[in-house]
Amino acid sequence: MQVGLFYDYRLNLDKYPAFQQYFRDHEPPTLIVWGQNDEIFGPDGARAYLGDLPDAELHLLDTGHFALEEELAFIAERIRDFLGCHTS
């Protein structure tokens, strides 16, 4: 299953313009929590979202690709705070 997901990821690139347009048109509340030392998806990937979602909440953590494994409590707190501000 994981191999299939990796293989299918290449098809996402063609969809990026539609995703980006959706973000610009609808500006959904967005929380971005990212490992600044991620060697697979570097921090510029996180910052790129701010071009379409300037009000997004961005946290670059001193972690690698597995940020949840390294900073679970911190990330869980950010999610709770974010949902507390953006849900009714």
PDB file of N, CA and C in Angstrom:
ATOM      1  N   MET A   1       0.822  -1.175   0.000  1.00  0.00           N
ATOM      2  CA  MET A   1       0.000   0.000   0.000  1.00  0.00           C
ATOM      3  C   MET A   1       0.878   1.255   0.000  1.00  0.00           C
ATOM      4  N   GLN A   2       1.907   1.279   0.821  1.00  0.00           N
ATOM      5  CA  GLN A   2       2.792   2.447   0.907  1.00  0.00           C
ATOM      6  C   GLN A   2       3.491   2.696  -0.430  1.00  0.00           C
ATOM      7  N   VAL A   3       3.945   1.649  -1.082  1.00  0.00           N
ATOM      8  CA  VAL A   3       4.590   1.792  -2.383  1.00  0.00           C
ATOM      9  C   VAL A   3       3.608   2.404  -3.383  1.00  0.00           C
ATOM     10  N   GLY A   4       2.369   1.969  -3.346  1.00  0.00           N
ATOM     11  CA  GLY A   4       1.343   2.532  -4.223  1.00  0.00           C
ATOM     12  C   GLY A   4       1.129   4.014  -3.973  1.00  0.00           C
ATOM     13  N   LEU A   5       1.138   4.406  -2.695  1.00  0.00           N
ATOM     14  CA  LEU A   5       1.000   5.821  -2.362  1.00  0.00           C
ATOM     15  C   LEU A   5       2.180   6.632  -2.886  1.00  0.00           C
ATOM     16  N   PHE A   6       3.390   6.096  -2.707  1.00  0.00           N
ATOM     17  CA  PHE A   6       4.578   6.790  -3.217  1.00  0.00           C
ATOM     18  C   PHE A   6       4.508   6.937  -4.730  1.00  0.00           C
ATOM     19  N   TYR A   7       4.115   5.894  -5.407  1.00  0.00           N
ATOM     20  CA  TYR A   7       4.040   5.924  -6.866  1.00  0.00           C
ATOM     21  C   TYR A   7       2.984   6.922  -7.326  1.00  0.00           C
ATOM     22  N   ASP A   8       1.876   6.960  -6.627  1.00  0.00           N
ATOM     23  CA  ASP A   8       0.770   7.834  -6.986  1.00  0.00           C
ATOM     24  C   ASP A   8       1.089   9.306  -6.718  1.00  0.00           C
ATOM     25  N   TYR A   9       2.033   9.586  -5.841  1.00  0.00           N
ATOM     26  CA  TYR A   9       2.373  10.964  -5.469  1.00  0.00           C
ATOM     27  C   TYR A   9       2.761  11.797  -6.684  1.00  0.00           C
ATOM     28  N   ARG A  10       3.375  11.193  -7.669  1.00  0.00           N
ATOM     29  CA  ARG A  10       3.818  11.922  -8.864  1.00  0.00           C
ATOM     30  C   ARG A  10       2.644  12.562  -9.584  1.00  0.00           C
ATOM     31  N   LEU A  11       1.452  11.997  -9.435  1.00  0.00           N
ATOM     32  CA  LEU A  11       0.274  12.542 -10.101  1.00  0.00           C
ATOM     33  C   LEU A  11      -0.239  13.813  -9.424  1.00  0.00           C
ATOM     34  N   ASN A  12       0.163  14.046  -8.196  1.00  0.00           N
ATOM     35  CA  ASN A  12      -0.285  15.234  -7.469  1.00  0.00           C
ATOM     36  C   ASN A  12       0.245  16.518  -8.087  1.00  0.00           C
ATOM     37  N   LEU A  13       1.419  16.474  -8.687  1.00  0.00           N
ATOM     38  CA  LEU A  13       2.038  17.697  -9.199  1.00  0.00           C
ATOM     39  C   LEU A  13       1.139  18.421 -10.193  1.00  0.00           C
ATOM     40  N   ASP A  14       0.456  17.685 -11.031  1.00  0.00           N
ATOM     41  CA  ASP A  14      -0.443  18.303 -12.008  1.00  0.00           C
ATOM     42  C   ASP A  14      -1.626  18.994 -11.335  1.00  0.00           C
ATOM     43  N   LYS A  15      -1.928  18.607 -10.109  1.00  0.00           N
ATOM     44  CA  LYS A  15      -3.076  19.165  -9.395  1.00  0.00           C
ATOM     45  C   LYS A  15      -2.711  20.394  -8.563  1.00  0.00           C
ATOM     46  N   TYR A  16      -1.427  20.678  -8.413  1.00  0.00           N
ATOM     47  CA  TYR A  16      -1.004  21.799  -7.566  1.00  0.00           C
ATOM     48  C   TYR A  16      -1.656  23.124  -7.955  1.00  0.00           C
ATOM     49  N   PRO A  17      -1.713  23.501  -9.242  1.00  0.00           N
ATOM     50  CA  PRO A  17      -2.355  24.777  -9.571  1.00  0.00           C
ATOM     51  C   PRO A  17      -3.806  24.858  -9.090  1.00  0.00           C
ATOM     52  N   ALA A  18      -4.547  23.775  -9.174  1.00  0.00           N
ATOM     53  CA  ALA A  18      -5.928  23.777  -8.694  1.00  0.00           C
ATOM     54  C   ALA A  18      -5.974  23.905  -7.175  1.00  0.00           C
ATOM     55  N   PHE A  19      -5.076  23.206  -6.476  1.00  0.00           N
ATOM     56  CA  PHE A  19      -5.014  23.329  -5.016  1.00  0.00           C
ATOM     57  C   PHE A  19      -4.708  24.765  -4.634  1.00  0.00           C
ATOM     58  N   GLN A  20      -3.708  25.343  -5.284  1.00  0.00           N
ATOM     59  CA  GLN A  20      -3.283  26.704  -4.960  1.00  0.00           C
ATOM     60  C   GLN A  20      -4.400  27.709  -5.227  1.00  0.00           C
ATOM     61  N   GLN A  21      -5.131  27.531  -6.325  1.00  0.00           N
ATOM     62  CA  GLN A  21      -6.244  28.426  -6.624  1.00  0.00           C
ATOM     63  C   GLN A  21      -7.338  28.306  -5.573  1.00  0.00           C
ATOM     64  N   TYR A  22      -7.606  27.086  -5.144  1.00  0.00           N
ATOM     65  CA  TYR A  22      -8.590  26.883  -4.074  1.00  0.00           C
ATOM     66  C   TYR A  22      -8.158  27.634  -2.817  1.00  0.00           C
ATOM     67  N   PHE A  23      -6.897  27.515  -2.444  1.00  0.00           N
ATOM     68  CA  PHE A  23      -6.396  28.208  -1.255  1.00  0.00           C
ATOM     69  C   PHE A  23      -6.581  29.719  -1.390  1.00  0.00           C
ATOM     70  N   ARG A  24      -6.231  30.273  -2.545  1.00  0.00           N
ATOM     71  CA  ARG A  24      -6.368  31.715  -2.758  1.00  0.00           C
ATOM     72  C   ARG A  24      -7.832  32.150  -2.734  1.00  0.00           C
ATOM     73  N   ASP A  25      -8.700  31.365  -3.359  1.00  0.00           N
ATOM     74  CA  ASP A  25     -10.114  31.731  -3.451  1.00  0.00           C
ATOM     75  C   ASP A  25     -10.843  31.620  -2.115  1.00  0.00           C
ATOM     76  N   HIS A  26     -10.522  30.609  -1.336  1.00  0.00           N
ATOM     77  CA  HIS A  26     -11.291  30.311  -0.128  1.00  0.00           C
ATOM     78  C   HIS A  26     -10.568  30.643   1.173  1.00  0.00           C
ATOM     79  N   GLU A  27      -9.252  30.776   1.138  1.00  0.00           N
ATOM     80  CA  GLU A  27      -8.447  31.111   2.314  1.00  0.00           C
ATOM     81  C   GLU A  27      -8.875  30.344   3.565  1.00  0.00           C
ATOM     82  N   PRO A  28      -8.885  29.023   3.503  1.00  0.00           N
ATOM     83  CA  PRO A  28      -9.285  28.259   4.687  1.00  0.00           C
ATOM     84  C   PRO A  28      -8.286  28.461   5.826  1.00  0.00           C
ATOM     85  N   PRO A  29      -8.764  28.477   7.063  1.00  0.00           N
ATOM     86  CA  PRO A  29      -7.829  28.525   8.189  1.00  0.00           C
ATOM     87  C   PRO A  29      -6.875  27.336   8.071  1.00  0.00           C
ATOM     88  N   THR A  30      -5.593  27.607   8.225  1.00  0.00           N
ATOM     89  CA  THR A  30      -4.598  26.560   7.979  1.00  0.00           C
ATOM     90  C   THR A  30      -3.510  26.586   9.033  1.00  0.00           C
ATOM     91  N   LEU A  31      -3.231  25.422   9.569  1.00  0.00           N
ATOM     92  CA  LEU A  31      -2.133  25.219  10.506  1.00  0.00           C
ATOM     93  C   LEU A  31      -1.067  24.411   9.787  1.00  0.00           C
ATOM     94  N   ILE A  32       0.159  24.931   9.777  1.00  0.00           N
ATOM     95  CA  ILE A  32       1.283  24.239   9.149  1.00  0.00           C
ATOM     96  C   ILE A  32       2.323  23.980  10.230  1.00  0.00           C
ATOM     97  N   VAL A  33       2.582  22.719  10.505  1.00  0.00           N
ATOM     98  CA  VAL A  33       3.609  22.326  11.467  1.00  0.00           C
ATOM     99  C   VAL A  33       4.577  21.443  10.706  1.00  0.00           C
ATOM    100  N   TRP A  34       5.846  21.828  10.677  1.00  0.00           N
ATOM    101  CA  TRP A  34       6.807  21.246   9.735  1.00  0.00           C
ATOM    102  C   TRP A  34       8.161  21.103  10.411  1.00  0.00           C
ATOM    103  N   GLY A  35       8.860  20.061  10.076  1.00  0.00           N
ATOM    104  CA  GLY A  35      10.226  19.891  10.564  1.00  0.00           C
ATOM    105  C   GLY A  35      11.196  20.696   9.717  1.00  0.00           C
ATOM    106  N   GLN A  36      11.850  21.669  10.312  1.00  0.00           N
ATOM    107  CA  GLN A  36      12.749  22.515   9.533  1.00  0.00           C
ATOM    108  C   GLN A  36      13.991  21.771   9.042  1.00  0.00           C
ATOM    109  N   ASN A  37      14.250  20.598   9.593  1.00  0.00           N
ATOM    110  CA  ASN A  37      15.391  19.794   9.155  1.00  0.00           C
ATOM    111  C   ASN A  37      14.955  18.597   8.315  1.00  0.00           C
ATOM    112  N   ASP A  38      13.730  18.653   7.803  1.00  0.00           N
ATOM    113  CA  ASP A  38      13.190  17.565   6.987  1.00  0.00           C
ATOM    114  C   ASP A  38      13.975  17.488   5.680  1.00  0.00           C
ATOM    115  N   GLU A  39      14.611  16.354   5.436  1.00  0.00           N
ATOM    116  CA  GLU A  39      15.422  16.176   4.226  1.00  0.00           C
ATOM    117  C   GLU A  39      14.577  15.742   3.029  1.00  0.00           C
ATOM    118  N   ILE A  40      13.323  15.389   3.257  1.00  0.00           N
ATOM    119  CA  ILE A  40      12.442  14.972   2.163  1.00  0.00           C
ATOM    120  C   ILE A  40      11.613  16.158   1.679  1.00  0.00           C
ATOM    121  N   PHE A  41      10.963  16.853   2.609  1.00  0.00           N
ATOM    122  CA  PHE A  41      10.177  18.038   2.302  1.00  0.00           C
ATOM    123  C   PHE A  41      10.764  19.185   3.122  1.00  0.00           C
ATOM    124  N   GLY A  42      11.679  19.923   2.534  1.00  0.00           N
ATOM    125  CA  GLY A  42      12.386  20.984   3.242  1.00  0.00           C
ATOM    126  C   GLY A  42      11.480  22.123   3.683  1.00  0.00           C
ATOM    127  N   PRO A  43      12.000  23.011   4.519  1.00  0.00           N
ATOM    128  CA  PRO A  43      11.200  24.097   5.070  1.00  0.00           C
ATOM    129  C   PRO A  43      10.663  25.076   4.022  1.00  0.00           C
ATOM    130  N   ASP A  44      11.313  25.166   2.873  1.00  0.00           N
ATOM    131  CA  ASP A  44      10.777  26.038   1.825  1.00  0.00           C
ATOM    132  C   ASP A  44       9.420  25.531   1.335  1.00  0.00           C
ATOM    133  N   GLY A  45       9.187  24.232   1.434  1.00  0.00           N
ATOM    134  CA  GLY A  45       7.887  23.678   1.083  1.00  0.00           C
ATOM    135  C   GLY A  45       6.798  24.187   2.012  1.00  0.00           C
ATOM    136  N   ALA A  46       7.125  24.340   3.282  1.00  0.00           N
ATOM    137  CA  ALA A  46       6.158  24.879   4.245  1.00  0.00           C
ATOM    138  C   ALA A  46       5.917  26.355   3.973  1.00  0.00           C
ATOM    139  N   ARG A  47       6.998  27.094   3.758  1.00  0.00           N
ATOM    140  CA  ARG A  47       6.871  28.533   3.506  1.00  0.00           C
ATOM    141  C   ARG A  47       6.105  28.813   2.221  1.00  0.00           C
ATOM    142  N   ALA A  48       6.177  27.925   1.256  1.00  0.00           N
ATOM    143  CA  ALA A  48       5.484  28.136  -0.018  1.00  0.00           C
ATOM    144  C   ALA A  48       3.977  28.267   0.175  1.00  0.00           C
ATOM    145  N   TYR A  49       3.430  27.586   1.149  1.00  0.00           N
ATOM    146  CA  TYR A  49       1.991  27.695   1.405  1.00  0.00           C
ATOM    147  C   TYR A  49       1.588  29.126   1.751  1.00  0.00           C
ATOM    148  N   LEU A  50       2.486  29.868   2.360  1.00  0.00           N
ATOM    149  CA  LEU A  50       2.160  31.231   2.774  1.00  0.00           C
ATOM    150  C   LEU A  50       1.917  32.152   1.582  1.00  0.00           C
ATOM    151  N   GLY A  51       2.422  31.785   0.407  1.00  0.00           N
ATOM    152  CA  GLY A  51       2.150  32.572  -0.783  1.00  0.00           C
ATOM    153  C   GLY A  51       0.676  32.561  -1.151  1.00  0.00           C
ATOM    154  N   ASP A  52       0.001  31.457  -0.894  1.00  0.00           N
ATOM    155  CA  ASP A  52      -1.419  31.327  -1.189  1.00  0.00           C
ATOM    156  C   ASP A  52      -2.287  31.486   0.053  1.00  0.00           C
ATOM    157  N   LEU A  53      -1.697  31.272   1.206  1.00  0.00           N
ATOM    158  CA  LEU A  53      -2.420  31.346   2.482  1.00  0.00           C
ATOM    159  C   LEU A  53      -1.650  32.248   3.447  1.00  0.00           C
ATOM    160  N   PRO A  54      -1.633  33.552   3.191  1.00  0.00           N
ATOM    161  CA  PRO A  54      -0.788  34.444   3.998  1.00  0.00           C
ATOM    162  C   PRO A  54      -1.153  34.484   5.477  1.00  0.00           C
ATOM    163  N   ASP A  55      -2.365  34.102   5.824  1.00  0.00           N
ATOM    164  CA  ASP A  55      -2.774  34.100   7.229  1.00  0.00           C
ATOM    165  C   ASP A  55      -2.593  32.744   7.908  1.00  0.00           C
ATOM    166  N   ALA A  56      -1.978  31.806   7.207  1.00  0.00           N
ATOM    167  CA  ALA A  56      -1.753  30.482   7.804  1.00  0.00           C
ATOM    168  C   ALA A  56      -0.836  30.611   9.015  1.00  0.00           C
ATOM    169  N   GLU A  57      -1.026  29.724   9.947  1.00  0.00           N
ATOM    170  CA  GLU A  57      -0.187  29.653  11.149  1.00  0.00           C
ATOM    171  C   GLU A  57       0.919  28.638  10.873  1.00  0.00           C
ATOM    172  N   LEU A  58       2.154  29.110  10.821  1.00  0.00           N
ATOM    173  CA  LEU A  58       3.301  28.261  10.479  1.00  0.00           C
ATOM    174  C   LEU A  58       4.204  28.074  11.685  1.00  0.00           C
ATOM    175  N   HIS A  59       4.546  26.807  11.938  1.00  0.00           N
ATOM    176  CA  HIS A  59       5.510  26.465  12.985  1.00  0.00           C
ATOM    177  C   HIS A  59       6.581  25.583  12.356  1.00  0.00           C
ATOM    178  N   LEU A  60       7.807  26.071  12.297  1.00  0.00           N
ATOM    179  CA  LEU A  60       8.935  25.257  11.846  1.00  0.00           C
ATOM    180  C   LEU A  60       9.645  24.756  13.087  1.00  0.00           C
ATOM    181  N   LEU A  61       9.638  23.452  13.253  1.00  0.00           N
ATOM    182  CA  LEU A  61      10.200  22.842  14.457  1.00  0.00           C
ATOM    183  C   LEU A  61      11.603  22.325  14.206  1.00  0.00           C
ATOM    184  N   ASP A  62      12.369  22.231  15.257  1.00  0.00           N
ATOM    185  CA  ASP A  62      13.731  21.703  15.171  1.00  0.00           C
ATOM    186  C   ASP A  62      13.667  20.176  15.150  1.00  0.00           C
ATOM    187  N   THR A  63      13.080  19.663  14.067  1.00  0.00           N
ATOM    188  CA  THR A  63      12.924  18.222  13.893  1.00  0.00           C
ATOM    189  C   THR A  63      13.247  17.875  12.452  1.00  0.00           C
ATOM    190  N   GLY A  64      13.200  16.602  12.168  1.00  0.00           N
ATOM    191  CA  GLY A  64      13.353  16.117  10.803  1.00  0.00           C
ATOM    192  C   GLY A  64      11.997  15.782  10.218  1.00  0.00           C
ATOM    193  N   HIS A  65      11.971  14.748   9.383  1.00  0.00           N
ATOM    194  CA  HIS A  65      10.760  14.371   8.662  1.00  0.00           C
ATOM    195  C   HIS A  65       9.658  13.844   9.586  1.00  0.00           C
ATOM    196  N   PHE A  66      10.035  13.246  10.699  1.00  0.00           N
ATOM    197  CA  PHE A  66       9.053  12.638  11.597  1.00  0.00           C
ATOM    198  C   PHE A  66       8.778  13.543  12.791  1.00  0.00           C
ATOM    199  N   ALA A  67       8.286  14.730  12.496  1.00  0.00           N
ATOM    200  CA  ALA A  67       8.054  15.736  13.536  1.00  0.00           C
ATOM    201  C   ALA A  67       7.105  15.243  14.624  1.00  0.00           C
ATOM    202  N   LEU A  68       6.079  14.507  14.245  1.00  0.00           N
ATOM    203  CA  LEU A  68       5.136  14.011  15.250  1.00  0.00           C
ATOM    204  C   LEU A  68       5.803  13.083  16.255  1.00  0.00           C
ATOM    205  N   GLU A  69       6.742  12.303  15.791  1.00  0.00           N
ATOM    206  CA  GLU A  69       7.431  11.394  16.707  1.00  0.00           C
ATOM    207  C   GLU A  69       8.368  12.147  17.643  1.00  0.00           C
ATOM    208  N   GLU A  70       8.857  13.285  17.196  1.00  0.00           N
ATOM    209  CA  GLU A  70       9.826  14.037  17.992  1.00  0.00           C
ATOM    210  C   GLU A  70       9.169  15.102  18.869  1.00  0.00           C
ATOM    211  N   GLU A  71       8.045  15.661  18.428  1.00  0.00           N
ATOM    212  CA  GLU A  71       7.416  16.782  19.143  1.00  0.00           C
ATOM    213  C   GLU A  71       5.907  16.607  19.267  1.00  0.00           C
ATOM    214  N   LEU A  72       5.475  15.412  19.597  1.00  0.00           N
ATOM    215  CA  LEU A  72       4.048  15.107  19.657  1.00  0.00           C
ATOM    216  C   LEU A  72       3.289  16.046  20.586  1.00  0.00           C
ATOM    217  N   ALA A  73       3.764  16.253  21.794  1.00  0.00           N
ATOM    218  CA  ALA A  73       3.031  17.080  22.761  1.00  0.00           C
ATOM    219  C   ALA A  73       2.894  18.515  22.254  1.00  0.00           C
ATOM    220  N   PHE A  74       3.955  19.072  21.720  1.00  0.00           N
ATOM    221  CA  PHE A  74       3.917  20.437  21.199  1.00  0.00           C
ATOM    222  C   PHE A  74       2.931  20.547  20.043  1.00  0.00           C
ATOM    223  N   ILE A  75       2.999  19.594  19.110  1.00  0.00           N
ATOM    224  CA  ILE A  75       2.119  19.623  17.945  1.00  0.00           C
ATOM    225  C   ILE A  75       0.668  19.427  18.369  1.00  0.00           C
ATOM    226  N   ALA A  76       0.418  18.511  19.285  1.00  0.00           N
ATOM    227  CA  ALA A  76      -0.954  18.293  19.769  1.00  0.00           C
ATOM    228  C   ALA A  76      -1.508  19.572  20.393  1.00  0.00           C
ATOM    229  N   GLU A  77      -0.691  20.284  21.140  1.00  0.00           N
ATOM    230  CA  GLU A  77      -1.129  21.547  21.740  1.00  0.00           C
ATOM    231  C   GLU A  77      -1.447  22.586  20.662  1.00  0.00           C
ATOM    232  N   ARG A  78      -0.621  22.665  19.629  1.00  0.00           N
ATOM    233  CA  ARG A  78      -0.893  23.607  18.527  1.00  0.00           C
ATOM    234  C   ARG A  78      -2.215  23.255  17.841  1.00  0.00           C
ATOM    235  N   ILE A  79      -2.464  21.965  17.638  1.00  0.00           N
ATOM    236  CA  ILE A  79      -3.713  21.540  16.999  1.00  0.00           C
ATOM    237  C   ILE A  79      -4.902  21.912  17.878  1.00  0.00           C
ATOM    238  N   ARG A  80      -4.812  21.640  19.166  1.00  0.00           N
ATOM    239  CA  ARG A  80      -5.910  21.990  20.090  1.00  0.00           C
ATOM    240  C   ARG A  80      -6.177  23.499  20.065  1.00  0.00           C
ATOM    241  N   ASP A  81      -5.113  24.285  20.144  1.00  0.00           N
ATOM    242  CA  ASP A  81      -5.269  25.745  20.132  1.00  0.00           C
ATOM    243  C   ASP A  81      -5.890  26.216  18.821  1.00  0.00           C
ATOM    244  N   PHE A  82      -5.394  25.672  17.717  1.00  0.00           N
ATOM    245  CA  PHE A  82      -5.885  26.056  16.398  1.00  0.00           C
ATOM    246  C   PHE A  82      -7.369  25.720  16.252  1.00  0.00           C
ATOM    247  N   LEU A  83      -7.740  24.513  16.611  1.00  0.00           N
ATOM    248  CA  LEU A  83      -9.141  24.107  16.507  1.00  0.00           C
ATOM    249  C   LEU A  83     -10.021  24.912  17.450  1.00  0.00           C
ATOM    250  N   GLY A  84      -9.484  25.257  18.612  1.00  0.00           N
ATOM    251  CA  GLY A  84     -10.244  26.086  19.537  1.00  0.00           C
ATOM    252  C   GLY A  84     -10.568  27.472  18.989  1.00  0.00           C
ATOM    253  N   CYS A  85      -9.690  27.966  18.123  1.00  0.00           N
ATOM    254  CA  CYS A  85      -9.895  29.275  17.508  1.00  0.00           C
ATOM    255  C   CYS A  85     -10.705  29.220  16.228  1.00  0.00           C
ATOM    256  N   HIS A  86     -10.765  28.055  15.594  1.00  0.00           N
ATOM    257  CA  HIS A  86     -11.354  27.978  14.248  1.00  0.00           C
ATOM    258  C   HIS A  86     -12.521  27.006  14.100  1.00  0.00           C
ATOM    259  N   THR A  87     -13.088  26.578  15.206  1.00  0.00           N
ATOM    260  CA  THR A  87     -14.280  25.732  15.137  1.00  0.00           C
ATOM    261  C   THR A  87     -15.355  26.346  16.032  1.00  0.00           C
ATOM    262  N   SER A  88     -16.557  25.995  15.731  1.00  0.00           N
ATOM    263  CA  SER A  88     -17.660  26.545  16.557  1.00  0.00           C
ATOM    264  C   SER A  88     -18.382  25.442  17.279  1.00  0.00           C
TER     265      SER A  88
END
